[in-house]
Amino acid sequence: MARDRSNEWIGSAFVGLGFGAAGVAGALAWVTSRIGPASIPIWAIAGWAGMMIFRGPLGQALATRISGHSPADSPELPQEVYGELDDLRARVSELEERVDFSERILTKQSSEQQS
């Protein structure tokens, strides 16, 4: 029976984020102990940066993952897209056949010239 690793990934992500946040908080606490009240702008900038990171694509990805939705849950594509995809696959296979034929002709010509 295959295990669902999505919950393990979420747990690992939160552990990593927790350690990262603890490291940043520790560094900020160290800076605060060194420079005193002048570190208030540093804390503000660090908080703003964290907020911007989690409001961006990383935060959206985590929110989607936590909510249990996945890209597979997205609505199905229109039938025209599948029709175009089938047409493109047919054209690619036709091109592959032409390339194979051209390679055979070139190989045959080069072997005749060497003889």
N, C-alpha and C. Protein backbone atom coordinates (compact mmCIF):
# COMPACT_ATOMS: atom_id res chain seq x y z
N MET A 1 0.84 -1.18 0.00
CA MET A 1 0.00 0.00 0.00
C MET A 1 0.89 1.24 0.00
N ALA A 2 0.67 2.13 -0.94
CA ALA A 2 1.48 3.34 -1.08
C ALA A 2 1.12 4.33 0.02
N ARG A 3 2.13 4.98 0.53
CA ARG A 3 1.89 5.97 1.56
C ARG A 3 1.70 7.34 0.93
N ASP A 4 0.82 8.10 1.53
CA ASP A 4 0.60 9.47 1.08
C ASP A 4 1.62 10.36 1.78
N ARG A 5 2.54 10.91 1.01
CA ARG A 5 3.62 11.71 1.59
C ARG A 5 3.29 13.19 1.67
N SER A 6 2.08 13.59 1.29
CA SER A 6 1.76 15.02 1.30
C SER A 6 1.78 15.58 2.71
N ASN A 7 1.27 14.82 3.68
CA ASN A 7 1.28 15.31 5.06
C ASN A 7 2.69 15.36 5.63
N GLU A 8 3.55 14.41 5.20
CA GLU A 8 4.94 14.45 5.64
C GLU A 8 5.62 15.70 5.11
N TRP A 9 5.33 16.05 3.86
CA TRP A 9 5.92 17.24 3.25
C TRP A 9 5.49 18.49 4.00
N ILE A 10 4.22 18.56 4.35
CA ILE A 10 3.72 19.73 5.08
C ILE A 10 4.41 19.83 6.43
N GLY A 11 4.54 18.71 7.11
CA GLY A 11 5.22 18.71 8.40
C GLY A 11 6.66 19.14 8.27
N SER A 12 7.35 18.65 7.25
CA SER A 12 8.74 19.03 7.03
C SER A 12 8.86 20.51 6.70
N ALA A 13 7.92 21.01 5.92
CA ALA A 13 7.94 22.44 5.57
C ALA A 13 7.77 23.29 6.83
N PHE A 14 6.86 22.90 7.70
CA PHE A 14 6.64 23.69 8.91
C PHE A 14 7.83 23.60 9.85
N VAL A 15 8.46 22.45 9.91
CA VAL A 15 9.66 22.32 10.75
C VAL A 15 10.76 23.22 10.21
N GLY A 16 10.95 23.19 8.88
CA GLY A 16 11.96 24.05 8.26
C GLY A 16 11.66 25.52 8.47
N LEU A 17 10.39 25.90 8.28
CA LEU A 17 10.01 27.29 8.51
C LEU A 17 10.19 27.68 9.98
N GLY A 18 9.89 26.76 10.86
CA GLY A 18 10.07 27.04 12.29
C GLY A 18 11.53 27.27 12.65
N PHE A 19 12.41 26.41 12.13
CA PHE A 19 13.83 26.59 12.40
C PHE A 19 14.34 27.88 11.77
N GLY A 20 13.87 28.18 10.57
CA GLY A 20 14.27 29.43 9.91
C GLY A 20 13.82 30.63 10.70
N ALA A 21 12.57 30.61 11.14
CA ALA A 21 12.04 31.72 11.93
C ALA A 21 12.78 31.85 13.26
N ALA A 22 13.10 30.71 13.88
CA ALA A 22 13.84 30.75 15.13
C ALA A 22 15.23 31.33 14.91
N GLY A 23 15.86 30.96 13.80
CA GLY A 23 17.18 31.51 13.49
C GLY A 23 17.14 33.01 13.28
N VAL A 24 16.14 33.47 12.53
CA VAL A 24 16.00 34.91 12.29
C VAL A 24 15.71 35.64 13.60
N ALA A 25 14.82 35.08 14.41
CA ALA A 25 14.50 35.72 15.69
C ALA A 25 15.73 35.75 16.60
N GLY A 26 16.50 34.67 16.58
CA GLY A 26 17.72 34.65 17.39
C GLY A 26 18.73 35.68 16.93
N ALA A 27 18.88 35.80 15.59
CA ALA A 27 19.81 36.80 15.06
C ALA A 27 19.33 38.21 15.41
N LEU A 28 18.04 38.44 15.30
CA LEU A 28 17.51 39.76 15.64
C LEU A 28 17.67 40.05 17.14
N ALA A 29 17.50 39.04 17.98
CA ALA A 29 17.69 39.24 19.41
C ALA A 29 19.14 39.56 19.72
N TRP A 30 20.05 38.91 19.02
CA TRP A 30 21.47 39.19 19.22
C TRP A 30 21.79 40.62 18.80
N VAL A 31 21.26 41.05 17.64
CA VAL A 31 21.48 42.42 17.18
C VAL A 31 20.89 43.41 18.18
N THR A 32 19.71 43.09 18.71
CA THR A 32 19.07 43.97 19.68
C THR A 32 19.92 44.11 20.93
N SER A 33 20.51 43.01 21.38
CA SER A 33 21.35 43.08 22.58
C SER A 33 22.61 43.89 22.32
N ARG A 34 23.07 43.94 21.08
CA ARG A 34 24.28 44.69 20.75
C ARG A 34 24.02 46.19 20.56
N ILE A 35 22.92 46.53 19.83
CA ILE A 35 22.73 47.93 19.49
C ILE A 35 21.57 48.59 20.21
N GLY A 36 20.79 47.83 20.95
CA GLY A 36 19.73 48.39 21.77
C GLY A 36 18.51 48.83 20.97
N PRO A 37 17.88 49.95 21.37
CA PRO A 37 16.63 50.39 20.75
C PRO A 37 16.76 50.74 19.27
N ALA A 38 17.98 50.94 18.80
CA ALA A 38 18.16 51.25 17.38
C ALA A 38 17.80 50.06 16.49
N SER A 39 17.58 48.91 17.10
CA SER A 39 17.24 47.72 16.32
C SER A 39 15.76 47.65 15.96
N ILE A 40 14.96 48.58 16.47
CA ILE A 40 13.53 48.57 16.17
C ILE A 40 13.27 48.63 14.66
N PRO A 41 13.95 49.48 13.90
CA PRO A 41 13.73 49.46 12.45
C PRO A 41 14.14 48.14 11.80
N ILE A 42 15.16 47.51 12.34
CA ILE A 42 15.59 46.21 11.80
C ILE A 42 14.48 45.19 12.00
N TRP A 43 13.87 45.16 13.19
CA TRP A 43 12.75 44.26 13.45
C TRP A 43 11.59 44.56 12.50
N ALA A 44 11.32 45.84 12.29
CA ALA A 44 10.22 46.21 11.40
C ALA A 44 10.49 45.75 9.98
N ILE A 45 11.70 45.94 9.51
CA ILE A 45 12.04 45.51 8.15
C ILE A 45 11.98 43.99 8.04
N ALA A 46 12.46 43.28 9.04
CA ALA A 46 12.42 41.82 9.01
C ALA A 46 10.97 41.32 9.02
N GLY A 47 10.13 41.96 9.82
CA GLY A 47 8.71 41.58 9.84
C GLY A 47 8.03 41.85 8.51
N TRP A 48 8.35 43.00 7.92
CA TRP A 48 7.77 43.35 6.61
C TRP A 48 8.24 42.36 5.55
N ALA A 49 9.54 41.99 5.57
CA ALA A 49 10.06 41.04 4.59
C ALA A 49 9.39 39.68 4.74
N GLY A 50 9.21 39.23 5.97
CA GLY A 50 8.53 37.95 6.20
C GLY A 50 7.09 37.99 5.70
N MET A 51 6.42 39.11 5.97
CA MET A 51 5.04 39.23 5.50
C MET A 51 4.98 39.19 3.98
N MET A 52 5.89 39.89 3.31
CA MET A 52 5.90 39.92 1.84
C MET A 52 6.21 38.54 1.26
N ILE A 53 7.09 37.81 1.91
CA ILE A 53 7.42 36.46 1.43
C ILE A 53 6.19 35.57 1.52
N PHE A 54 5.49 35.62 2.64
CA PHE A 54 4.36 34.73 2.82
C PHE A 54 3.09 35.21 2.13
N ARG A 55 3.07 36.44 1.66
CA ARG A 55 1.94 36.90 0.84
C ARG A 55 2.20 36.61 -0.63
N GLY A 56 3.41 36.24 -0.97
CA GLY A 56 3.79 35.96 -2.35
C GLY A 56 3.48 34.53 -2.75
N PRO A 57 4.14 34.05 -3.78
CA PRO A 57 3.89 32.70 -4.28
C PRO A 57 4.16 31.60 -3.26
N LEU A 58 5.18 31.79 -2.43
CA LEU A 58 5.48 30.78 -1.41
C LEU A 58 4.33 30.64 -0.42
N GLY A 59 3.82 31.75 0.05
CA GLY A 59 2.70 31.71 0.98
C GLY A 59 1.45 31.14 0.35
N GLN A 60 1.19 31.49 -0.90
CA GLN A 60 0.02 30.94 -1.60
C GLN A 60 0.16 29.44 -1.79
N ALA A 61 1.36 28.99 -2.12
CA ALA A 61 1.58 27.55 -2.30
C ALA A 61 1.37 26.81 -0.98
N LEU A 62 1.90 27.37 0.10
CA LEU A 62 1.69 26.73 1.40
C LEU A 62 0.22 26.73 1.80
N ALA A 63 -0.48 27.83 1.56
CA ALA A 63 -1.90 27.89 1.90
C ALA A 63 -2.70 26.88 1.10
N THR A 64 -2.39 26.74 -0.17
CA THR A 64 -3.08 25.76 -1.00
C THR A 64 -2.80 24.35 -0.51
N ARG A 65 -1.55 24.09 -0.15
CA ARG A 65 -1.16 22.77 0.32
C ARG A 65 -1.83 22.45 1.66
N ILE A 66 -1.88 23.42 2.55
CA ILE A 66 -2.47 23.21 3.86
C ILE A 66 -3.98 22.98 3.74
N SER A 67 -4.62 23.71 2.83
CA SER A 67 -6.07 23.58 2.68
C SER A 67 -6.47 22.23 2.09
N GLY A 68 -5.51 21.49 1.57
CA GLY A 68 -5.82 20.17 1.04
C GLY A 68 -6.12 20.16 -0.44
N HIS A 69 -6.11 21.30 -1.07
CA HIS A 69 -6.33 21.35 -2.51
C HIS A 69 -5.03 21.06 -3.23
N SER A 70 -5.15 20.52 -4.40
CA SER A 70 -3.97 20.26 -5.22
C SER A 70 -4.25 20.73 -6.64
N PRO A 71 -3.23 20.86 -7.46
CA PRO A 71 -3.47 21.26 -8.84
C PRO A 71 -4.40 20.29 -9.58
N ALA A 72 -4.44 19.05 -9.14
CA ALA A 72 -5.33 18.07 -9.77
C ALA A 72 -6.79 18.40 -9.49
N ASP A 73 -7.06 19.19 -8.44
CA ASP A 73 -8.43 19.56 -8.11
C ASP A 73 -8.96 20.69 -8.99
N SER A 74 -8.09 21.24 -9.82
CA SER A 74 -8.51 22.37 -10.65
C SER A 74 -9.54 21.91 -11.68
N PRO A 75 -10.33 22.83 -12.17
CA PRO A 75 -11.37 22.45 -13.14
C PRO A 75 -10.76 21.88 -14.42
N GLU A 76 -11.52 21.02 -15.05
CA GLU A 76 -11.03 20.35 -16.26
C GLU A 76 -10.95 21.34 -17.42
N LEU A 77 -10.01 21.10 -18.30
CA LEU A 77 -9.82 21.97 -19.46
C LEU A 77 -10.92 21.75 -20.48
N PRO A 78 -11.20 22.75 -21.30
CA PRO A 78 -12.21 22.57 -22.35
C PRO A 78 -11.79 21.51 -23.36
N GLN A 79 -12.75 20.93 -24.02
CA GLN A 79 -12.49 19.87 -24.99
C GLN A 79 -11.64 20.37 -26.16
N GLU A 80 -11.73 21.66 -26.51
CA GLU A 80 -10.93 22.18 -27.62
C GLU A 80 -9.45 22.03 -27.33
N VAL A 81 -9.07 22.20 -26.06
CA VAL A 81 -7.66 22.07 -25.70
C VAL A 81 -7.19 20.64 -25.91
N TYR A 82 -8.01 19.68 -25.53
CA TYR A 82 -7.65 18.28 -25.74
C TYR A 82 -7.58 17.96 -27.23
N GLY A 83 -8.47 18.54 -28.02
CA GLY A 83 -8.43 18.33 -29.47
C GLY A 83 -7.15 18.88 -30.07
N GLU A 84 -6.77 20.08 -29.64
CA GLU A 84 -5.53 20.67 -30.13
C GLU A 84 -4.32 19.86 -29.70
N LEU A 85 -4.36 19.33 -28.48
CA LEU A 85 -3.27 18.50 -27.99
C LEU A 85 -3.13 17.24 -28.82
N ASP A 86 -4.24 16.60 -29.14
CA ASP A 86 -4.19 15.40 -30.00
C ASP A 86 -3.65 15.74 -31.38
N ASP A 87 -4.05 16.89 -31.93
CA ASP A 87 -3.55 17.32 -33.23
C ASP A 87 -2.04 17.55 -33.18
N LEU A 88 -1.56 18.19 -32.11
CA LEU A 88 -0.13 18.44 -31.98
C LEU A 88 0.65 17.14 -31.82
N ARG A 89 0.09 16.18 -31.09
CA ARG A 89 0.77 14.88 -30.95
C ARG A 89 0.88 14.18 -32.30
N ALA A 90 -0.18 14.25 -33.10
CA ALA A 90 -0.14 13.63 -34.42
C ALA A 90 0.91 14.31 -35.29
N ARG A 91 0.98 15.62 -35.24
CA ARG A 91 1.96 16.34 -36.05
C ARG A 91 3.38 16.02 -35.60
N VAL A 92 3.61 15.91 -34.30
CA VAL A 92 4.94 15.58 -33.80
C VAL A 92 5.35 14.18 -34.23
N SER A 93 4.43 13.23 -34.17
CA SER A 93 4.77 11.87 -34.60
C SER A 93 5.06 11.84 -36.11
N GLU A 94 4.34 12.63 -36.88
CA GLU A 94 4.60 12.73 -38.32
C GLU A 94 5.99 13.32 -38.56
N LEU A 95 6.35 14.33 -37.80
CA LEU A 95 7.68 14.92 -37.93
C LEU A 95 8.77 13.93 -37.53
N GLU A 96 8.51 13.14 -36.49
CA GLU A 96 9.48 12.12 -36.09
C GLU A 96 9.72 11.12 -37.22
N GLU A 97 8.66 10.71 -37.89
CA GLU A 97 8.80 9.79 -39.02
C GLU A 97 9.62 10.43 -40.13
N ARG A 98 9.38 11.70 -40.41
CA ARG A 98 10.15 12.38 -41.46
C ARG A 98 11.62 12.49 -41.09
N VAL A 99 11.91 12.80 -39.84
CA VAL A 99 13.30 12.89 -39.40
C VAL A 99 13.97 11.53 -39.51
N ASP A 100 13.29 10.46 -39.08
CA ASP A 100 13.85 9.11 -39.20
C ASP A 100 14.14 8.78 -40.66
N PHE A 101 13.22 9.10 -41.54
CA PHE A 101 13.41 8.84 -42.96
C PHE A 101 14.61 9.61 -43.49
N SER A 102 14.71 10.89 -43.13
CA SER A 102 15.84 11.71 -43.57
C SER A 102 17.16 11.16 -43.05
N GLU A 103 17.18 10.70 -41.81
CA GLU A 103 18.40 10.13 -41.25
C GLU A 103 18.80 8.87 -42.00
N ARG A 104 17.82 8.04 -42.35
CA ARG A 104 18.13 6.82 -43.10
C ARG A 104 18.71 7.16 -44.47
N ILE A 105 18.12 8.14 -45.15
CA ILE A 105 18.61 8.55 -46.47
C ILE A 105 20.04 9.08 -46.37
N LEU A 106 20.29 9.95 -45.39
CA LEU A 106 21.63 10.51 -45.23
C LEU A 106 22.65 9.45 -44.87
N THR A 107 22.27 8.51 -44.02
CA THR A 107 23.18 7.43 -43.64
C THR A 107 23.49 6.58 -44.86
N LYS A 108 22.47 6.29 -45.66
CA LYS A 108 22.66 5.46 -46.85
C LYS A 108 23.59 6.19 -47.84
N GLN A 109 23.39 7.49 -48.04
CA GLN A 109 24.20 8.25 -48.97
C GLN A 109 25.64 8.33 -48.48
N SER A 110 25.84 8.55 -47.19
CA SER A 110 27.20 8.66 -46.68
C SER A 110 27.92 7.31 -46.74
N SER A 111 27.21 6.21 -46.55
CA SER A 111 27.85 4.88 -46.64
C SER A 111 28.18 4.55 -48.09
N GLU A 112 27.34 5.00 -49.06
CA GLU A 112 27.63 4.78 -50.48
C GLU A 112 28.84 5.60 -50.92
N GLN A 113 28.98 6.80 -50.41
CA GLN A 113 30.10 7.66 -50.79
C GLN A 113 31.41 7.15 -50.21
N GLN A 114 31.37 6.50 -49.06
CA GLN A 114 32.58 5.97 -48.43
C GLN A 114 33.04 4.70 -49.13
N SER A 115 32.13 4.02 -49.79
CA SER A 115 32.50 2.75 -50.44
C SER A 115 33.25 2.97 -51.71
